[in-house]
Amino acid sequence: MTTSASVINNPQASTKKRRKWKSFALYFILPSFILYTLFVIVPTVGSIYYSFTSWDGISPDVRFIGFANFVEIWNSPRVHNALKNTMIMTISLVLLENVVAILLALLVDKVRWLSKLFRSIFYFPTLLSGIVMGFVWAMLLNYNFGVINQMLNKIGLGALAVDWLGDPRYAMLAIVLSTVWKGAGYYMIIYLAGLQGIPQELNEAASIDGANGWQQFRHITFPLLAGSVTVCMVLAMIGALKIFDQIAVMTDGGPGFETETLTYLIYKVGFGELRQGFGTALAIVLFLIIMIITVIQVKFLQKREVEL
């Protein structure tokens, strides 16, 4: 008690003690800060520099070319096509993943028997890496020996058997649906947590007043899931903009350039064509696109939360 009182009555001693604890805290922070600097800050600064060069990624000859890479990005039809594919895939994935995730969460929340089993089944695909998932779906969708086409032939619907990954009309659809299969379970868990936080008394009162299931969902459940919707929409959008593994394994950006996204184009240009400078510039452009879309999306969804 005497010591505490002396510290309180002596501001100088209190200040010294505070500085001592801050110095100890710096020692704990320092290892993480060093690792973060080496693996995040230094590569980021290096990327910004290389985006203004014509470096091939191997040669020690690094020639500064100014904004030439960014001018080429602005005028490149291939980049425009990749941006279009990225936007189509992103919009499709964000909508489908969240709709499917909400439906799965509602189903699991209502099931009284084996609910934990259903949660495990729906969540299991998220545990697979994108590479493994891509190989599995590539085999399922193979035109010659894929399970899906074989099943269609056996049940008399052979006319519906198509080259899912080789036909430009179906390749992107195949990637989108397989990615939804993998990712919806993850967002289901977030929505399920939101559903279980909604007081049941609200739905019971609405039911007594004559509201049917759809009306309860529209006017009670969905508005109260606004926080979960914000989180899932943002995560799904960022994941869709960065999609890579599935495309690399299933289509390699083809047929033609029909499934080539910005992320995959960065890989192809930087490592396949040895144009690290151009690829790095494209990566910076993608980073800016993700940041701008994320800020706009978060502001819009948070405004919606306040209004609800």
C-alpha atoms as a PDB file:
ATOM      1  CA  MET A   1       0.000   0.000   0.000  1.00  0.00           C
ATOM      2  CA  THR A   2       2.811   2.373   0.900  1.00  0.00           C
ATOM      3  CA  THR A   3       4.651   1.637  -2.326  1.00  0.00           C
ATOM      4  CA  SER A   4       1.506   2.179  -4.422  1.00  0.00           C
ATOM      5  CA  ALA A   5       0.767   5.434  -2.652  1.00  0.00           C
ATOM      6  CA  SER A   6       4.299   6.651  -3.201  1.00  0.00           C
ATOM      7  CA  VAL A   7       4.089   5.892  -6.915  1.00  0.00           C
ATOM      8  CA  ILE A   8       0.767   7.736  -7.174  1.00  0.00           C
ATOM      9  CA  ASN A   9       2.104  10.706  -5.266  1.00  0.00           C
ATOM     10  CA  ASN A  10       5.329  10.734  -7.258  1.00  0.00           C
ATOM     11  CA  PRO A  11       4.581  11.342 -10.961  1.00  0.00           C
ATOM     12  CA  GLN A  12       8.275  11.098 -11.837  1.00  0.00           C
ATOM     13  CA  ALA A  13       8.505   7.540 -10.472  1.00  0.00           C
ATOM     14  CA  SER A  14       5.326   6.607 -12.324  1.00  0.00           C
ATOM     15  CA  THR A  15       6.759   7.947 -15.585  1.00  0.00           C
ATOM     16  CA  LYS A  16       9.994   5.987 -15.117  1.00  0.00           C
ATOM     17  CA  LYS A  17       8.039   2.806 -14.460  1.00  0.00           C
ATOM     18  CA  ARG A  18       5.970   3.363 -17.583  1.00  0.00           C
ATOM     19  CA  ARG A  19       9.101   3.877 -19.702  1.00  0.00           C
ATOM     20  CA  LYS A  20      10.607   0.707 -18.252  1.00  0.00           C
ATOM     21  CA  TRP A  21       7.575  -1.353 -19.265  1.00  0.00           C
ATOM     22  CA  LYS A  22       7.590   0.211 -22.746  1.00  0.00           C
ATOM     23  CA  SER A  23      11.221  -0.799 -23.223  1.00  0.00           C
ATOM     24  CA  PHE A  24      10.319  -4.379 -22.265  1.00  0.00           C
ATOM     25  CA  ALA A  25       7.390  -4.311 -24.692  1.00  0.00           C
ATOM     26  CA  LEU A  26       9.708  -3.240 -27.517  1.00  0.00           C
ATOM     27  CA  TYR A  27      11.843  -6.329 -26.950  1.00  0.00           C
ATOM     28  CA  PHE A  28       8.781  -8.538 -27.439  1.00  0.00           C
ATOM     29  CA  ILE A  29       7.654  -6.637 -30.541  1.00  0.00           C
ATOM     30  CA  LEU A  30      11.102  -6.489 -32.169  1.00  0.00           C
ATOM     31  CA  PRO A  31      11.289 -10.098 -33.535  1.00  0.00           C
ATOM     32  CA  SER A  32       7.886  -9.818 -35.203  1.00  0.00           C
ATOM     33  CA  PHE A  33       8.725  -6.377 -36.551  1.00  0.00           C
ATOM     34  CA  ILE A  34      12.000  -7.647 -38.054  1.00  0.00           C
ATOM     35  CA  LEU A  35      10.234 -10.567 -39.745  1.00  0.00           C
ATOM     36  CA  TYR A  36       7.448  -8.285 -41.005  1.00  0.00           C
ATOM     37  CA  THR A  37      10.026  -5.862 -42.381  1.00  0.00           C
ATOM     38  CA  LEU A  38      12.022  -8.583 -44.152  1.00  0.00           C
ATOM     39  CA  PHE A  39       9.084 -10.443 -45.651  1.00  0.00           C
ATOM     40  CA  VAL A  40       6.512  -7.668 -46.231  1.00  0.00           C
ATOM     41  CA  ILE A  41       7.929  -4.136 -46.218  1.00  0.00           C
ATOM     42  CA  VAL A  42      11.184  -4.854 -48.100  1.00  0.00           C
ATOM     43  CA  PRO A  43       9.497  -6.955 -50.854  1.00  0.00           C
ATOM     44  CA  THR A  44       6.763  -4.311 -51.210  1.00  0.00           C
ATOM     45  CA  VAL A  45       9.274  -1.502 -51.664  1.00  0.00           C
ATOM     46  CA  GLY A  46      11.264  -3.705 -54.070  1.00  0.00           C
ATOM     47  CA  SER A  47       8.119  -4.461 -56.073  1.00  0.00           C
ATOM     48  CA  ILE A  48       7.350  -0.776 -56.457  1.00  0.00           C
ATOM     49  CA  TYR A  49      10.869  -0.206 -57.765  1.00  0.00           C
ATOM     50  CA  TYR A  50      10.844  -3.167 -60.182  1.00  0.00           C
ATOM     51  CA  SER A  51       7.482  -2.076 -61.598  1.00  0.00           C
ATOM     52  CA  PHE A  52       9.343   0.821 -63.232  1.00  0.00           C
ATOM     53  CA  THR A  53      11.937  -1.457 -64.852  1.00  0.00           C
ATOM     54  CA  SER A  54      12.185  -4.008 -67.657  1.00  0.00           C
ATOM     55  CA  TRP A  55      13.762  -6.668 -65.410  1.00  0.00           C
ATOM     56  CA  ASP A  56      13.339 -10.258 -66.541  1.00  0.00           C
ATOM     57  CA  GLY A  57      13.613 -11.734 -63.043  1.00  0.00           C
ATOM     58  CA  ILE A  58      16.954 -13.465 -63.651  1.00  0.00           C
ATOM     59  CA  SER A  59      19.454 -11.111 -65.242  1.00  0.00           C
ATOM     60  CA  PRO A  60      21.348  -8.636 -63.027  1.00  0.00           C
ATOM     61  CA  ASP A  61      20.639  -6.039 -65.709  1.00  0.00           C
ATOM     62  CA  VAL A  62      17.771  -3.920 -64.356  1.00  0.00           C
ATOM     63  CA  ARG A  63      16.875  -1.093 -66.738  1.00  0.00           C
ATOM     64  CA  PHE A  64      14.678   1.752 -65.519  1.00  0.00           C
ATOM     65  CA  ILE A  65      11.903   2.515 -68.049  1.00  0.00           C
ATOM     66  CA  GLY A  66       9.630   4.834 -66.073  1.00  0.00           C
ATOM     67  CA  PHE A  67       5.868   4.409 -66.535  1.00  0.00           C
ATOM     68  CA  ALA A  68       6.190   2.285 -69.709  1.00  0.00           C
ATOM     69  CA  ASN A  69       4.811  -0.844 -67.966  1.00  0.00           C
ATOM     70  CA  PHE A  70       1.755   1.013 -66.706  1.00  0.00           C
ATOM     71  CA  VAL A  71       1.137   2.544 -70.142  1.00  0.00           C
ATOM     72  CA  GLU A  72       1.270  -0.951 -71.649  1.00  0.00           C
ATOM     73  CA  ILE A  73      -1.184  -2.202 -69.015  1.00  0.00           C
ATOM     74  CA  TRP A  74      -3.576   0.611 -69.915  1.00  0.00           C
ATOM     75  CA  ASN A  75      -3.424  -0.213 -73.635  1.00  0.00           C
ATOM     76  CA  SER A  76      -3.105  -4.027 -73.528  1.00  0.00           C
ATOM     77  CA  PRO A  77      -6.139  -5.984 -74.873  1.00  0.00           C
ATOM     78  CA  ARG A  78      -4.910  -9.037 -72.954  1.00  0.00           C
ATOM     79  CA  VAL A  79      -4.990  -7.119 -69.674  1.00  0.00           C
ATOM     80  CA  HIS A  80      -8.455  -5.777 -70.524  1.00  0.00           C
ATOM     81  CA  ASN A  81      -9.656  -9.334 -71.168  1.00  0.00           C
ATOM     82  CA  ALA A  82      -8.129 -10.550 -67.900  1.00  0.00           C
ATOM     83  CA  LEU A  83      -9.785  -7.666 -66.022  1.00  0.00           C
ATOM     84  CA  LYS A  84     -13.144  -8.535 -67.603  1.00  0.00           C
ATOM     85  CA  ASN A  85     -12.766 -12.209 -66.640  1.00  0.00           C
ATOM     86  CA  THR A  86     -11.746 -11.193 -63.115  1.00  0.00           C
ATOM     87  CA  MET A  87     -14.802  -8.981 -62.670  1.00  0.00           C
ATOM     88  CA  ILE A  88     -17.203 -11.622 -64.032  1.00  0.00           C
ATOM     89  CA  MET A  89     -15.697 -14.297 -61.810  1.00  0.00           C
ATOM     90  CA  THR A  90     -15.651 -12.023 -58.759  1.00  0.00           C
ATOM     91  CA  ILE A  91     -19.289 -10.946 -59.059  1.00  0.00           C
ATOM     92  CA  SER A  92     -20.404 -14.526 -59.676  1.00  0.00           C
ATOM     93  CA  LEU A  93     -18.438 -15.953 -56.758  1.00  0.00           C
ATOM     94  CA  VAL A  94     -19.416 -13.254 -54.265  1.00  0.00           C
ATOM     95  CA  LEU A  95     -23.113 -13.694 -55.010  1.00  0.00           C
ATOM     96  CA  LEU A  96     -23.199 -17.487 -55.293  1.00  0.00           C
ATOM     97  CA  GLU A  97     -20.934 -18.240 -52.339  1.00  0.00           C
ATOM     98  CA  ASN A  98     -22.948 -16.016 -50.024  1.00  0.00           C
ATOM     99  CA  VAL A  99     -26.362 -17.223 -51.233  1.00  0.00           C
ATOM    100  CA  VAL A 100     -25.338 -20.879 -50.895  1.00  0.00           C
ATOM    101  CA  ALA A 101     -23.687 -20.205 -47.528  1.00  0.00           C
ATOM    102  CA  ILE A 102     -26.842 -18.559 -46.136  1.00  0.00           C
ATOM    103  CA  LEU A 103     -28.997 -21.457 -47.371  1.00  0.00           C
ATOM    104  CA  LEU A 104     -26.636 -24.004 -45.811  1.00  0.00           C
ATOM    105  CA  ALA A 105     -26.556 -22.058 -42.532  1.00  0.00           C
ATOM    106  CA  LEU A 106     -30.363 -21.904 -42.419  1.00  0.00           C
ATOM    107  CA  LEU A 107     -30.555 -25.630 -43.138  1.00  0.00           C
ATOM    108  CA  VAL A 108     -28.028 -26.576 -40.460  1.00  0.00           C
ATOM    109  CA  ASP A 109     -29.640 -24.198 -37.957  1.00  0.00           C
ATOM    110  CA  LYS A 110     -33.048 -25.812 -38.431  1.00  0.00           C
ATOM    111  CA  VAL A 111     -31.886 -29.432 -38.423  1.00  0.00           C
ATOM    112  CA  ARG A 112     -32.354 -31.095 -35.060  1.00  0.00           C
ATOM    113  CA  TRP A 113     -30.856 -34.503 -35.880  1.00  0.00           C
ATOM    114  CA  LEU A 114     -27.214 -34.984 -36.961  1.00  0.00           C
ATOM    115  CA  SER A 115     -26.684 -31.234 -37.216  1.00  0.00           C
ATOM    116  CA  LYS A 116     -22.974 -31.595 -36.338  1.00  0.00           C
ATOM    117  CA  LEU A 117     -22.564 -34.187 -39.090  1.00  0.00           C
ATOM    118  CA  PHE A 118     -24.076 -31.835 -41.653  1.00  0.00           C
ATOM    119  CA  ARG A 119     -21.826 -29.005 -40.480  1.00  0.00           C
ATOM    120  CA  SER A 120     -18.775 -31.236 -40.931  1.00  0.00           C
ATOM    121  CA  ILE A 121     -19.878 -32.378 -44.392  1.00  0.00           C
ATOM    122  CA  PHE A 122     -20.524 -28.839 -45.620  1.00  0.00           C
ATOM    123  CA  TYR A 123     -17.323 -27.482 -44.084  1.00  0.00           C
ATOM    124  CA  PHE A 124     -15.024 -30.295 -45.241  1.00  0.00           C
ATOM    125  CA  PRO A 125     -14.294 -28.898 -48.762  1.00  0.00           C
ATOM    126  CA  THR A 126     -12.764 -25.755 -47.245  1.00  0.00           C
ATOM    127  CA  LEU A 127     -10.038 -27.913 -45.706  1.00  0.00           C
ATOM    128  CA  LEU A 128      -8.789 -28.922 -49.151  1.00  0.00           C
ATOM    129  CA  SER A 129      -6.131 -26.792 -50.796  1.00  0.00           C
ATOM    130  CA  GLY A 130      -7.012 -25.079 -54.062  1.00  0.00           C
ATOM    131  CA  ILE A 131      -4.573 -27.335 -55.919  1.00  0.00           C
ATOM    132  CA  VAL A 132      -6.128 -30.557 -54.573  1.00  0.00           C
ATOM    133  CA  MET A 133      -9.632 -29.271 -55.236  1.00  0.00           C
ATOM    134  CA  GLY A 134      -8.635 -28.302 -58.764  1.00  0.00           C
ATOM    135  CA  PHE A 135      -7.263 -31.774 -59.529  1.00  0.00           C
ATOM    136  CA  VAL A 136     -10.387 -33.443 -58.130  1.00  0.00           C
ATOM    137  CA  TRP A 137     -12.741 -31.313 -60.215  1.00  0.00           C
ATOM    138  CA  ALA A 138     -10.540 -31.579 -63.293  1.00  0.00           C
ATOM    139  CA  MET A 139     -10.963 -35.358 -63.131  1.00  0.00           C
ATOM    140  CA  LEU A 140     -14.700 -35.122 -62.461  1.00  0.00           C
ATOM    141  CA  LEU A 141     -15.232 -32.755 -65.404  1.00  0.00           C
ATOM    142  CA  ASN A 142     -12.933 -34.509 -67.888  1.00  0.00           C
ATOM    143  CA  TYR A 143     -14.718 -34.893 -71.222  1.00  0.00           C
ATOM    144  CA  ASN A 144     -13.564 -38.458 -71.952  1.00  0.00           C
ATOM    145  CA  PHE A 145     -13.506 -40.246 -68.586  1.00  0.00           C
ATOM    146  CA  GLY A 146     -14.963 -37.733 -66.136  1.00  0.00           C
ATOM    147  CA  VAL A 147     -17.571 -39.042 -63.711  1.00  0.00           C
ATOM    148  CA  ILE A 148     -20.104 -36.320 -64.552  1.00  0.00           C
ATOM    149  CA  ASN A 149     -20.195 -37.044 -68.297  1.00  0.00           C
ATOM    150  CA  GLN A 150     -20.240 -40.792 -67.676  1.00  0.00           C
ATOM    151  CA  MET A 151     -23.230 -40.436 -65.357  1.00  0.00           C
ATOM    152  CA  LEU A 152     -25.061 -38.311 -67.923  1.00  0.00           C
ATOM    153  CA  ASN A 153     -24.440 -40.988 -70.583  1.00  0.00           C
ATOM    154  CA  LYS A 154     -25.640 -43.799 -68.319  1.00  0.00           C
ATOM    155  CA  ILE A 155     -28.919 -42.108 -67.430  1.00  0.00           C
ATOM    156  CA  GLY A 156     -29.712 -41.307 -71.062  1.00  0.00           C
ATOM    157  CA  LEU A 157     -28.707 -37.638 -71.002  1.00  0.00           C
ATOM    158  CA  GLY A 158     -25.593 -37.998 -73.138  1.00  0.00           C
ATOM    159  CA  ALA A 159     -26.596 -34.918 -75.132  1.00  0.00           C
ATOM    160  CA  LEU A 160     -25.821 -32.844 -72.044  1.00  0.00           C
ATOM    161  CA  ALA A 161     -22.265 -34.192 -71.803  1.00  0.00           C
ATOM    162  CA  VAL A 162     -19.934 -31.383 -72.862  1.00  0.00           C
ATOM    163  CA  ASP A 163     -16.260 -30.522 -72.655  1.00  0.00           C
ATOM    164  CA  TRP A 164     -16.612 -28.582 -69.419  1.00  0.00           C
ATOM    165  CA  LEU A 165     -13.026 -27.342 -69.289  1.00  0.00           C
ATOM    166  CA  GLY A 166     -12.269 -27.171 -73.004  1.00  0.00           C
ATOM    167  CA  ASP A 167     -15.344 -25.304 -74.224  1.00  0.00           C
ATOM    168  CA  PRO A 168     -15.182 -21.491 -73.818  1.00  0.00           C
ATOM    169  CA  ARG A 169     -18.902 -21.446 -72.970  1.00  0.00           C
ATOM    170  CA  TYR A 170     -18.526 -23.678 -69.903  1.00  0.00           C
ATOM    171  CA  ALA A 171     -14.943 -23.311 -68.634  1.00  0.00           C
ATOM    172  CA  MET A 172     -15.561 -20.279 -66.429  1.00  0.00           C
ATOM    173  CA  LEU A 173     -18.831 -21.758 -65.172  1.00  0.00           C
ATOM    174  CA  ALA A 174     -16.973 -24.916 -64.137  1.00  0.00           C
ATOM    175  CA  ILE A 175     -14.383 -22.906 -62.189  1.00  0.00           C
ATOM    176  CA  VAL A 176     -17.030 -20.764 -60.493  1.00  0.00           C
ATOM    177  CA  LEU A 177     -19.188 -23.713 -59.405  1.00  0.00           C
ATOM    178  CA  SER A 178     -16.226 -25.745 -58.132  1.00  0.00           C
ATOM    179  CA  THR A 179     -14.966 -22.725 -56.168  1.00  0.00           C
ATOM    180  CA  VAL A 180     -18.426 -22.225 -54.651  1.00  0.00           C
ATOM    181  CA  TRP A 181     -18.383 -25.892 -53.612  1.00  0.00           C
ATOM    182  CA  LYS A 182     -15.071 -25.315 -51.851  1.00  0.00           C
ATOM    183  CA  GLY A 183     -15.736 -21.937 -50.226  1.00  0.00           C
ATOM    184  CA  ALA A 184     -19.412 -21.880 -49.241  1.00  0.00           C
ATOM    185  CA  GLY A 185     -18.843 -24.008 -46.129  1.00  0.00           C
ATOM    186  CA  TYR A 186     -16.438 -21.454 -44.689  1.00  0.00           C
ATOM    187  CA  TYR A 187     -18.945 -18.621 -44.969  1.00  0.00           C
ATOM    188  CA  MET A 188     -21.678 -20.950 -43.693  1.00  0.00           C
ATOM    189  CA  ILE A 189     -19.922 -21.069 -40.304  1.00  0.00           C
ATOM    190  CA  ILE A 190     -19.915 -17.260 -40.071  1.00  0.00           C
ATOM    191  CA  TYR A 191     -23.589 -17.040 -41.000  1.00  0.00           C
ATOM    192  CA  LEU A 192     -24.450 -19.848 -38.602  1.00  0.00           C
ATOM    193  CA  ALA A 193     -22.823 -17.929 -35.753  1.00  0.00           C
ATOM    194  CA  GLY A 194     -24.893 -14.894 -36.731  1.00  0.00           C
ATOM    195  CA  LEU A 195     -28.104 -16.932 -36.865  1.00  0.00           C
ATOM    196  CA  GLN A 196     -27.520 -18.391 -33.429  1.00  0.00           C
ATOM    197  CA  GLY A 197     -27.106 -14.876 -32.047  1.00  0.00           C
ATOM    198  CA  ILE A 198     -30.612 -13.838 -33.149  1.00  0.00           C
ATOM    199  CA  PRO A 199     -33.174 -14.084 -30.299  1.00  0.00           C
ATOM    200  CA  GLN A 200     -35.781 -16.738 -31.098  1.00  0.00           C
ATOM    201  CA  GLU A 201     -38.446 -14.617 -29.431  1.00  0.00           C
ATOM    202  CA  LEU A 202     -38.459 -12.291 -32.438  1.00  0.00           C
ATOM    203  CA  ASN A 203     -39.376 -15.056 -34.883  1.00  0.00           C
ATOM    204  CA  GLU A 204     -41.881 -16.525 -32.455  1.00  0.00           C
ATOM    205  CA  ALA A 205     -43.590 -13.154 -32.071  1.00  0.00           C
ATOM    206  CA  ALA A 206     -43.647 -12.681 -35.841  1.00  0.00           C
ATOM    207  CA  SER A 207     -45.108 -16.174 -36.272  1.00  0.00           C
ATOM    208  CA  ILE A 208     -47.865 -15.387 -33.800  1.00  0.00           C
ATOM    209  CA  ASP A 209     -48.625 -12.231 -35.786  1.00  0.00           C
ATOM    210  CA  GLY A 210     -49.082 -14.365 -38.910  1.00  0.00           C
ATOM    211  CA  ALA A 211     -45.714 -13.915 -40.677  1.00  0.00           C
ATOM    212  CA  ASN A 212     -44.656 -16.892 -42.811  1.00  0.00           C
ATOM    213  CA  GLY A 213     -41.115 -18.237 -43.087  1.00  0.00           C
ATOM    214  CA  TRP A 214     -40.086 -15.988 -45.972  1.00  0.00           C
ATOM    215  CA  GLN A 215     -41.433 -12.866 -44.248  1.00  0.00           C
ATOM    216  CA  GLN A 216     -39.586 -13.752 -41.058  1.00  0.00           C
ATOM    217  CA  PHE A 217     -36.348 -14.210 -42.993  1.00  0.00           C
ATOM    218  CA  ARG A 218     -36.789 -11.009 -45.008  1.00  0.00           C
ATOM    219  CA  HIS A 219     -37.785  -8.673 -42.195  1.00  0.00           C
ATOM    220  CA  ILE A 220     -36.055 -10.207 -39.157  1.00  0.00           C
ATOM    221  CA  THR A 221     -33.338 -12.757 -39.903  1.00  0.00           C
ATOM    222  CA  PHE A 222     -31.613 -11.149 -42.884  1.00  0.00           C
ATOM    223  CA  PRO A 223     -31.479  -7.607 -41.426  1.00  0.00           C
ATOM    224  CA  LEU A 224     -29.977  -8.962 -38.199  1.00  0.00           C
ATOM    225  CA  LEU A 225     -27.352 -10.835 -40.248  1.00  0.00           C
ATOM    226  CA  ALA A 226     -26.025  -7.530 -41.639  1.00  0.00           C
ATOM    227  CA  GLY A 227     -22.727  -7.809 -39.732  1.00  0.00           C
ATOM    228  CA  SER A 228     -22.121 -11.341 -40.994  1.00  0.00           C
ATOM    229  CA  VAL A 229     -23.039 -10.297 -44.532  1.00  0.00           C
ATOM    230  CA  THR A 230     -20.443  -7.518 -44.430  1.00  0.00           C
ATOM    231  CA  VAL A 231     -17.672  -9.865 -43.297  1.00  0.00           C
ATOM    232  CA  CYS A 232     -18.536 -12.634 -45.768  1.00  0.00           C
ATOM    233  CA  MET A 233     -19.012 -10.319 -48.746  1.00  0.00           C
ATOM    234  CA  VAL A 234     -15.635  -8.654 -48.195  1.00  0.00           C
ATOM    235  CA  LEU A 235     -13.795 -11.948 -47.663  1.00  0.00           C
ATOM    236  CA  ALA A 236     -15.459 -13.532 -50.695  1.00  0.00           C
ATOM    237  CA  MET A 237     -14.622 -10.526 -52.857  1.00  0.00           C
ATOM    238  CA  ILE A 238     -10.943 -10.494 -51.875  1.00  0.00           C
ATOM    239  CA  GLY A 239     -10.683 -14.253 -52.376  1.00  0.00           C
ATOM    240  CA  ALA A 240     -12.334 -14.073 -55.799  1.00  0.00           C
ATOM    241  CA  LEU A 241     -10.069 -11.265 -56.997  1.00  0.00           C
ATOM    242  CA  LYS A 242      -7.019 -13.341 -56.006  1.00  0.00           C
ATOM    243  CA  ILE A 243      -8.210 -16.699 -57.388  1.00  0.00           C
ATOM    244  CA  PHE A 244      -5.293 -18.650 -58.840  1.00  0.00           C
ATOM    245  CA  ASP A 245      -4.984 -22.324 -57.843  1.00  0.00           C
ATOM    246  CA  GLN A 246      -8.157 -23.562 -59.506  1.00  0.00           C
ATOM    247  CA  ILE A 247      -7.362 -21.814 -62.791  1.00  0.00           C
ATOM    248  CA  ALA A 248      -3.772 -23.084 -62.817  1.00  0.00           C
ATOM    249  CA  VAL A 249      -4.844 -26.708 -62.369  1.00  0.00           C
ATOM    250  CA  MET A 250      -8.141 -26.857 -64.250  1.00  0.00           C
ATOM    251  CA  THR A 251      -7.745 -24.670 -67.350  1.00  0.00           C
ATOM    252  CA  ASP A 252      -4.313 -22.987 -67.352  1.00  0.00           C
ATOM    253  CA  GLY A 253      -6.121 -19.790 -68.290  1.00  0.00           C
ATOM    254  CA  GLY A 254      -7.760 -21.381 -71.321  1.00  0.00           C
ATOM    255  CA  PRO A 255      -9.374 -22.333 -73.545  1.00  0.00           C
ATOM    256  CA  GLY A 256      -7.672 -19.477 -75.319  1.00  0.00           C
ATOM    257  CA  PHE A 257      -7.735 -16.712 -72.713  1.00  0.00           C
ATOM    258  CA  GLU A 258     -11.314 -17.293 -71.545  1.00  0.00           C
ATOM    259  CA  THR A 259     -10.435 -17.967 -67.895  1.00  0.00           C
ATOM    260  CA  GLU A 260      -7.260 -15.914 -67.605  1.00  0.00           C
ATOM    261  CA  THR A 261      -7.658 -13.525 -64.656  1.00  0.00           C
ATOM    262  CA  LEU A 262      -5.365 -10.731 -63.492  1.00  0.00           C
ATOM    263  CA  THR A 263      -3.754 -12.947 -60.865  1.00  0.00           C
ATOM    264  CA  TYR A 264      -3.043 -15.701 -63.354  1.00  0.00           C
ATOM    265  CA  LEU A 265      -1.822 -13.203 -65.939  1.00  0.00           C
ATOM    266  CA  ILE A 266       0.691 -11.870 -63.399  1.00  0.00           C
ATOM    267  CA  TYR A 267       2.040 -15.398 -62.975  1.00  0.00           C
ATOM    268  CA  LYS A 268       2.142 -16.126 -66.714  1.00  0.00           C
ATOM    269  CA  VAL A 269       3.855 -12.856 -67.591  1.00  0.00           C
ATOM    270  CA  GLY A 270       6.288 -12.811 -64.678  1.00  0.00           C
ATOM    271  CA  PHE A 271       7.415 -16.447 -64.682  1.00  0.00           C
ATOM    272  CA  GLY A 272       6.327 -17.801 -68.072  1.00  0.00           C
ATOM    273  CA  GLU A 273       7.387 -14.868 -70.242  1.00  0.00           C
ATOM    274  CA  LEU A 274      10.162 -13.638 -67.897  1.00  0.00           C
ATOM    275  CA  ARG A 275       8.756 -10.115 -67.674  1.00  0.00           C
ATOM    276  CA  GLN A 276       9.013  -9.530 -63.953  1.00  0.00           C
ATOM    277  CA  GLY A 277       8.894  -5.763 -64.333  1.00  0.00           C
ATOM    278  CA  PHE A 278       5.598  -5.842 -66.196  1.00  0.00           C
ATOM    279  CA  GLY A 279       4.203  -8.540 -63.906  1.00  0.00           C
ATOM    280  CA  THR A 280       5.098  -6.512 -60.822  1.00  0.00           C
ATOM    281  CA  ALA A 281       3.434  -3.417 -62.272  1.00  0.00           C
ATOM    282  CA  LEU A 282       0.324  -5.490 -62.931  1.00  0.00           C
ATOM    283  CA  ALA A 283       0.423  -6.800 -59.337  1.00  0.00           C
ATOM    284  CA  ILE A 284       0.452  -3.223 -58.035  1.00  0.00           C
ATOM    285  CA  VAL A 285      -2.534  -2.388 -60.246  1.00  0.00           C
ATOM    286  CA  LEU A 286      -4.376  -5.436 -58.868  1.00  0.00           C
ATOM    287  CA  PHE A 287      -3.544  -4.365 -55.310  1.00  0.00           C
ATOM    288  CA  LEU A 288      -4.994  -0.904 -55.962  1.00  0.00           C
ATOM    289  CA  ILE A 289      -8.139  -2.432 -57.501  1.00  0.00           C
ATOM    290  CA  ILE A 290      -8.648  -4.711 -54.483  1.00  0.00           C
ATOM    291  CA  MET A 291      -8.078  -1.851 -52.049  1.00  0.00           C
ATOM    292  CA  ILE A 292     -10.489   0.519 -53.824  1.00  0.00           C
ATOM    293  CA  ILE A 293     -13.245  -2.084 -54.225  1.00  0.00           C
ATOM    294  CA  THR A 294     -12.833  -3.222 -50.604  1.00  0.00           C
ATOM    295  CA  VAL A 295     -13.111   0.323 -49.219  1.00  0.00           C
ATOM    296  CA  ILE A 296     -16.210   1.040 -51.328  1.00  0.00           C
ATOM    297  CA  GLN A 297     -17.803  -2.284 -50.415  1.00  0.00           C
ATOM    298  CA  VAL A 298     -17.153  -1.911 -46.677  1.00  0.00           C
ATOM    299  CA  LYS A 299     -18.507   1.652 -46.625  1.00  0.00           C
ATOM    300  CA  PHE A 300     -21.649   0.596 -48.491  1.00  0.00           C
ATOM    301  CA  LEU A 301     -22.297  -2.468 -46.333  1.00  0.00           C
ATOM    302  CA  GLN A 302     -21.626  -0.637 -43.081  1.00  0.00           C
ATOM    303  CA  LYS A 303     -24.008   2.134 -44.152  1.00  0.00           C
ATOM    304  CA  ARG A 304     -26.594  -0.579 -44.779  1.00  0.00           C
ATOM    305  CA  GLU A 305     -25.994  -1.977 -41.273  1.00  0.00           C
ATOM    306  CA  VAL A 306     -26.691   1.448 -39.755  1.00  0.00           C
ATOM    307  CA  GLU A 307     -29.842   1.900 -41.833  1.00  0.00           C
ATOM    308  CA  LEU A 308     -31.144  -1.506 -40.797  1.00  0.00           C
END
